[in-house]
Amino acid sequence: MNGYERLDVFQRSKKLYPQVVSITKAFPSHLWHLRDQICRSANSIHANVAEGYGRSAAEFRNYLTRSLGSCNEIKSHISDAVAVGAMDSTFSNKLIEEYTVVGKQLYRLRESWK
């Protein structure tokens, strides 16, 4: 197991990704752009953690900042999906709660990384 794979924030966000892909498969075809954005932002969170790990501390913090941005982005897109009737609010609330935890983890990791 690589160093970044041991990070709880990496594991948590990577575990959420297949759930996001699965739920967005049911989106109507005319909302392909929203599905694409949701899946891309979900994937970007753990991918940026992996890509930045092992670089300098300053570079890794920048990648964590990108991950945090993607985390905020997915929460916004999930809210949009509910607003247009593509996603159930019960499941979306659970996802938003999970991504809120991920965001807090990213923030703390970014602030503490030396």
N, C-alpha and C. Protein backbone atom coordinates (compact mmCIF):
# COMPACT_ATOMS: atom_id res chain seq x y z
N MET A 1 0.84 -1.18 0.00
CA MET A 1 0.00 0.00 0.00
C MET A 1 0.89 1.25 0.00
N ASN A 2 0.60 2.14 -0.91
CA ASN A 2 1.36 3.39 -0.99
C ASN A 2 0.99 4.31 0.16
N GLY A 3 1.82 5.31 0.39
CA GLY A 3 1.60 6.24 1.49
C GLY A 3 0.27 6.97 1.40
N TYR A 4 -0.08 7.46 0.22
CA TYR A 4 -1.34 8.20 0.08
C TYR A 4 -2.55 7.29 0.30
N GLU A 5 -2.41 6.01 -0.02
CA GLU A 5 -3.53 5.08 0.14
C GLU A 5 -3.87 4.82 1.61
N ARG A 6 -2.94 5.13 2.48
CA ARG A 6 -3.20 4.97 3.92
C ARG A 6 -3.95 6.15 4.50
N LEU A 7 -4.01 7.25 3.79
CA LEU A 7 -4.71 8.43 4.28
C LEU A 7 -6.22 8.18 4.29
N ASP A 8 -6.85 8.43 5.43
CA ASP A 8 -8.28 8.20 5.56
C ASP A 8 -9.08 9.01 4.54
N VAL A 9 -8.66 10.22 4.28
CA VAL A 9 -9.37 11.06 3.33
C VAL A 9 -9.32 10.47 1.92
N PHE A 10 -8.21 9.85 1.57
CA PHE A 10 -8.10 9.18 0.27
C PHE A 10 -9.06 8.00 0.23
N GLN A 11 -9.02 7.16 1.25
CA GLN A 11 -9.87 5.97 1.30
C GLN A 11 -11.35 6.34 1.27
N ARG A 12 -11.73 7.33 2.07
CA ARG A 12 -13.13 7.74 2.16
C ARG A 12 -13.62 8.28 0.82
N SER A 13 -12.86 9.17 0.20
CA SER A 13 -13.31 9.76 -1.06
C SER A 13 -13.30 8.74 -2.20
N LYS A 14 -12.35 7.82 -2.18
CA LYS A 14 -12.31 6.78 -3.20
C LYS A 14 -13.50 5.83 -3.05
N LYS A 15 -13.91 5.57 -1.83
CA LYS A 15 -15.06 4.70 -1.57
C LYS A 15 -16.37 5.36 -2.04
N LEU A 16 -16.45 6.67 -1.95
CA LEU A 16 -17.65 7.38 -2.39
C LEU A 16 -17.79 7.41 -3.91
N TYR A 17 -16.68 7.37 -4.62
CA TYR A 17 -16.71 7.53 -6.08
C TYR A 17 -17.63 6.52 -6.78
N PRO A 18 -17.51 5.21 -6.51
CA PRO A 18 -18.41 4.27 -7.19
C PRO A 18 -19.89 4.49 -6.85
N GLN A 19 -20.17 4.95 -5.65
CA GLN A 19 -21.55 5.25 -5.28
C GLN A 19 -22.09 6.39 -6.13
N VAL A 20 -21.25 7.39 -6.34
CA VAL A 20 -21.65 8.54 -7.15
C VAL A 20 -21.88 8.11 -8.60
N VAL A 21 -20.97 7.33 -9.14
CA VAL A 21 -21.13 6.85 -10.52
C VAL A 21 -22.41 6.04 -10.65
N SER A 22 -22.65 5.18 -9.69
CA SER A 22 -23.85 4.33 -9.72
C SER A 22 -25.14 5.16 -9.70
N ILE A 23 -25.23 6.11 -8.81
CA ILE A 23 -26.46 6.90 -8.69
C ILE A 23 -26.68 7.79 -9.91
N THR A 24 -25.61 8.28 -10.51
CA THR A 24 -25.78 9.17 -11.66
C THR A 24 -26.12 8.42 -12.94
N LYS A 25 -25.97 7.11 -12.96
CA LYS A 25 -26.37 6.33 -14.14
C LYS A 25 -27.86 6.44 -14.41
N ALA A 26 -28.63 6.73 -13.37
CA ALA A 26 -30.08 6.85 -13.52
C ALA A 26 -30.52 8.24 -13.98
N PHE A 27 -29.58 9.17 -14.13
CA PHE A 27 -29.94 10.51 -14.58
C PHE A 27 -30.50 10.43 -16.01
N PRO A 28 -31.48 11.28 -16.32
CA PRO A 28 -31.98 11.32 -17.70
C PRO A 28 -30.86 11.75 -18.66
N SER A 29 -30.97 11.29 -19.88
CA SER A 29 -29.90 11.56 -20.86
C SER A 29 -29.68 13.05 -21.10
N HIS A 30 -30.73 13.85 -20.98
CA HIS A 30 -30.54 15.29 -21.24
C HIS A 30 -29.72 15.98 -20.13
N LEU A 31 -29.47 15.27 -19.03
CA LEU A 31 -28.63 15.82 -17.95
C LEU A 31 -27.23 15.20 -17.96
N TRP A 32 -26.77 14.78 -19.14
CA TRP A 32 -25.45 14.15 -19.25
C TRP A 32 -24.36 15.07 -18.72
N HIS A 33 -24.51 16.36 -18.94
CA HIS A 33 -23.48 17.32 -18.50
C HIS A 33 -23.37 17.36 -16.97
N LEU A 34 -24.51 17.27 -16.28
CA LEU A 34 -24.49 17.27 -14.82
C LEU A 34 -23.89 15.97 -14.30
N ARG A 35 -24.26 14.86 -14.93
CA ARG A 35 -23.68 13.56 -14.56
C ARG A 35 -22.16 13.60 -14.73
N ASP A 36 -21.72 14.13 -15.85
CA ASP A 36 -20.29 14.21 -16.14
C ASP A 36 -19.56 15.05 -15.09
N GLN A 37 -20.12 16.21 -14.75
CA GLN A 37 -19.48 17.09 -13.77
C GLN A 37 -19.43 16.45 -12.38
N ILE A 38 -20.51 15.78 -12.01
CA ILE A 38 -20.54 15.12 -10.70
C ILE A 38 -19.48 14.03 -10.63
N CYS A 39 -19.42 13.21 -11.66
CA CYS A 39 -18.44 12.11 -11.68
C CYS A 39 -17.01 12.63 -11.73
N ARG A 40 -16.77 13.67 -12.51
CA ARG A 40 -15.42 14.23 -12.60
C ARG A 40 -14.97 14.83 -11.26
N SER A 41 -15.85 15.56 -10.61
CA SER A 41 -15.45 16.16 -9.34
C SER A 41 -15.25 15.09 -8.27
N ALA A 42 -16.08 14.05 -8.26
CA ALA A 42 -15.91 12.95 -7.30
C ALA A 42 -14.57 12.25 -7.51
N ASN A 43 -14.21 12.02 -8.75
CA ASN A 43 -12.94 11.37 -9.07
C ASN A 43 -11.75 12.26 -8.75
N SER A 44 -11.90 13.54 -8.96
CA SER A 44 -10.81 14.49 -8.78
C SER A 44 -10.33 14.57 -7.33
N ILE A 45 -11.21 14.32 -6.39
CA ILE A 45 -10.85 14.48 -4.98
C ILE A 45 -9.72 13.52 -4.61
N HIS A 46 -9.94 12.23 -4.78
CA HIS A 46 -8.89 11.27 -4.40
C HIS A 46 -7.73 11.26 -5.39
N ALA A 47 -8.01 11.58 -6.66
CA ALA A 47 -6.94 11.61 -7.66
C ALA A 47 -5.92 12.70 -7.35
N ASN A 48 -6.37 13.86 -6.90
CA ASN A 48 -5.44 14.94 -6.55
C ASN A 48 -4.64 14.61 -5.31
N VAL A 49 -5.24 13.91 -4.35
CA VAL A 49 -4.48 13.47 -3.17
C VAL A 49 -3.35 12.54 -3.63
N ALA A 50 -3.68 11.60 -4.49
CA ALA A 50 -2.68 10.65 -4.98
C ALA A 50 -1.60 11.36 -5.81
N GLU A 51 -2.01 12.25 -6.68
CA GLU A 51 -1.05 12.94 -7.56
C GLU A 51 -0.09 13.83 -6.77
N GLY A 52 -0.60 14.49 -5.76
CA GLY A 52 0.24 15.42 -5.01
C GLY A 52 1.11 14.77 -3.96
N TYR A 53 0.74 13.57 -3.53
CA TYR A 53 1.49 12.90 -2.47
C TYR A 53 2.92 12.61 -2.94
N GLY A 54 3.87 12.85 -2.09
CA GLY A 54 5.26 12.58 -2.43
C GLY A 54 5.98 13.76 -3.07
N ARG A 55 5.25 14.79 -3.39
CA ARG A 55 5.87 16.01 -3.90
C ARG A 55 6.30 16.84 -2.69
N SER A 56 6.76 18.01 -2.94
CA SER A 56 7.16 18.87 -1.83
C SER A 56 5.92 19.19 -0.99
N ALA A 57 6.15 19.61 0.24
CA ALA A 57 5.03 19.94 1.13
C ALA A 57 4.15 21.04 0.53
N ALA A 58 4.79 22.04 -0.05
CA ALA A 58 4.02 23.14 -0.64
C ALA A 58 3.18 22.66 -1.82
N GLU A 59 3.76 21.80 -2.67
CA GLU A 59 3.02 21.28 -3.81
C GLU A 59 1.85 20.40 -3.35
N PHE A 60 2.12 19.54 -2.35
CA PHE A 60 1.06 18.67 -1.85
C PHE A 60 -0.09 19.49 -1.28
N ARG A 61 0.23 20.55 -0.57
CA ARG A 61 -0.83 21.41 -0.04
C ARG A 61 -1.65 22.02 -1.19
N ASN A 62 -1.00 22.37 -2.29
CA ASN A 62 -1.74 22.88 -3.45
C ASN A 62 -2.70 21.82 -4.02
N TYR A 63 -2.24 20.58 -4.09
CA TYR A 63 -3.10 19.50 -4.56
C TYR A 63 -4.26 19.27 -3.60
N LEU A 64 -4.00 19.40 -2.30
CA LEU A 64 -5.07 19.26 -1.32
C LEU A 64 -6.08 20.39 -1.48
N THR A 65 -5.61 21.58 -1.83
CA THR A 65 -6.51 22.71 -2.09
C THR A 65 -7.39 22.40 -3.29
N ARG A 66 -6.82 21.81 -4.34
CA ARG A 66 -7.61 21.42 -5.51
C ARG A 66 -8.65 20.37 -5.12
N SER A 67 -8.24 19.41 -4.30
CA SER A 67 -9.17 18.38 -3.84
C SER A 67 -10.32 19.00 -3.06
N LEU A 68 -10.00 19.96 -2.21
CA LEU A 68 -11.03 20.65 -1.43
C LEU A 68 -11.98 21.40 -2.36
N GLY A 69 -11.45 22.01 -3.39
CA GLY A 69 -12.31 22.68 -4.37
C GLY A 69 -13.24 21.71 -5.06
N SER A 70 -12.74 20.54 -5.43
CA SER A 70 -13.58 19.52 -6.05
C SER A 70 -14.63 19.01 -5.08
N CYS A 71 -14.28 18.94 -3.83
CA CYS A 71 -15.21 18.50 -2.80
C CYS A 71 -16.37 19.51 -2.67
N ASN A 72 -16.04 20.77 -2.68
CA ASN A 72 -17.09 21.80 -2.66
C ASN A 72 -17.92 21.76 -3.94
N GLU A 73 -17.25 21.52 -5.05
CA GLU A 73 -17.93 21.47 -6.34
C GLU A 73 -18.97 20.35 -6.37
N ILE A 74 -18.60 19.17 -5.89
CA ILE A 74 -19.55 18.06 -5.96
C ILE A 74 -20.78 18.32 -5.10
N LYS A 75 -20.58 18.96 -3.97
CA LYS A 75 -21.74 19.28 -3.13
C LYS A 75 -22.69 20.23 -3.86
N SER A 76 -22.15 21.18 -4.57
CA SER A 76 -22.97 22.10 -5.35
C SER A 76 -23.71 21.36 -6.47
N HIS A 77 -23.01 20.47 -7.17
CA HIS A 77 -23.64 19.71 -8.26
C HIS A 77 -24.72 18.76 -7.74
N ILE A 78 -24.49 18.17 -6.58
CA ILE A 78 -25.50 17.30 -5.99
C ILE A 78 -26.76 18.10 -5.68
N SER A 79 -26.59 19.28 -5.14
CA SER A 79 -27.75 20.15 -4.87
C SER A 79 -28.48 20.50 -6.17
N ASP A 80 -27.73 20.74 -7.23
CA ASP A 80 -28.33 21.01 -8.54
C ASP A 80 -29.12 19.80 -9.03
N ALA A 81 -28.57 18.60 -8.82
CA ALA A 81 -29.26 17.38 -9.26
C ALA A 81 -30.59 17.20 -8.54
N VAL A 82 -30.61 17.55 -7.27
CA VAL A 82 -31.87 17.48 -6.52
C VAL A 82 -32.85 18.52 -7.06
N ALA A 83 -32.34 19.71 -7.32
CA ALA A 83 -33.20 20.81 -7.78
C ALA A 83 -33.89 20.50 -9.10
N VAL A 84 -33.23 19.73 -9.96
CA VAL A 84 -33.84 19.40 -11.26
C VAL A 84 -34.51 18.03 -11.25
N GLY A 85 -34.59 17.41 -10.07
CA GLY A 85 -35.31 16.15 -9.93
C GLY A 85 -34.56 14.91 -10.38
N ALA A 86 -33.25 15.01 -10.54
CA ALA A 86 -32.46 13.86 -10.99
C ALA A 86 -31.96 13.00 -9.84
N MET A 87 -32.03 13.51 -8.61
CA MET A 87 -31.52 12.78 -7.46
C MET A 87 -32.46 12.95 -6.28
N ASP A 88 -32.64 11.89 -5.55
CA ASP A 88 -33.46 11.88 -4.36
C ASP A 88 -32.78 12.69 -3.25
N SER A 89 -33.56 13.49 -2.54
CA SER A 89 -32.97 14.35 -1.51
C SER A 89 -32.43 13.56 -0.32
N THR A 90 -33.02 12.41 -0.02
CA THR A 90 -32.53 11.61 1.10
C THR A 90 -31.11 11.12 0.82
N PHE A 91 -30.90 10.55 -0.35
CA PHE A 91 -29.57 10.07 -0.70
C PHE A 91 -28.60 11.22 -0.89
N SER A 92 -29.07 12.30 -1.48
CA SER A 92 -28.19 13.45 -1.70
C SER A 92 -27.71 14.03 -0.38
N ASN A 93 -28.59 14.09 0.62
CA ASN A 93 -28.19 14.59 1.94
C ASN A 93 -27.10 13.73 2.55
N LYS A 94 -27.22 12.42 2.38
CA LYS A 94 -26.18 11.50 2.88
C LYS A 94 -24.85 11.76 2.19
N LEU A 95 -24.90 11.92 0.86
CA LEU A 95 -23.67 12.21 0.12
C LEU A 95 -23.06 13.54 0.55
N ILE A 96 -23.89 14.55 0.69
CA ILE A 96 -23.37 15.86 1.10
C ILE A 96 -22.74 15.77 2.48
N GLU A 97 -23.34 15.02 3.38
CA GLU A 97 -22.74 14.83 4.71
C GLU A 97 -21.38 14.15 4.60
N GLU A 98 -21.30 13.13 3.77
CA GLU A 98 -20.03 12.41 3.59
C GLU A 98 -18.96 13.33 3.00
N TYR A 99 -19.35 14.11 1.99
CA TYR A 99 -18.38 15.02 1.37
C TYR A 99 -18.03 16.19 2.29
N THR A 100 -18.89 16.52 3.21
CA THR A 100 -18.55 17.53 4.22
C THR A 100 -17.45 17.01 5.13
N VAL A 101 -17.54 15.75 5.51
CA VAL A 101 -16.49 15.12 6.31
C VAL A 101 -15.18 15.10 5.52
N VAL A 102 -15.25 14.70 4.26
CA VAL A 102 -14.06 14.67 3.41
C VAL A 102 -13.44 16.07 3.33
N GLY A 103 -14.25 17.09 3.16
CA GLY A 103 -13.75 18.45 3.08
C GLY A 103 -13.03 18.87 4.36
N LYS A 104 -13.60 18.50 5.49
CA LYS A 104 -12.95 18.82 6.76
C LYS A 104 -11.62 18.09 6.89
N GLN A 105 -11.58 16.84 6.46
CA GLN A 105 -10.34 16.08 6.51
C GLN A 105 -9.28 16.71 5.60
N LEU A 106 -9.68 17.10 4.41
CA LEU A 106 -8.75 17.74 3.49
C LEU A 106 -8.20 19.03 4.08
N TYR A 107 -9.08 19.82 4.66
CA TYR A 107 -8.66 21.09 5.24
C TYR A 107 -7.65 20.85 6.37
N ARG A 108 -7.97 19.93 7.26
CA ARG A 108 -7.06 19.66 8.38
C ARG A 108 -5.72 19.10 7.90
N LEU A 109 -5.78 18.21 6.92
CA LEU A 109 -4.54 17.65 6.38
C LEU A 109 -3.70 18.74 5.72
N ARG A 110 -4.35 19.59 4.95
CA ARG A 110 -3.62 20.69 4.30
C ARG A 110 -2.98 21.61 5.30
N GLU A 111 -3.69 21.94 6.38
CA GLU A 111 -3.15 22.85 7.38
C GLU A 111 -2.02 22.23 8.20
N SER A 112 -2.04 20.92 8.35
CA SER A 112 -1.04 20.27 9.21
C SER A 112 0.13 19.70 8.44
N TRP A 113 0.05 19.60 7.11
CA TRP A 113 1.13 18.98 6.33
C TRP A 113 2.38 19.83 6.35
N LYS A 114 3.47 19.23 6.73
CA LYS A 114 4.75 19.95 6.82
C LYS A 114 5.71 19.48 5.77
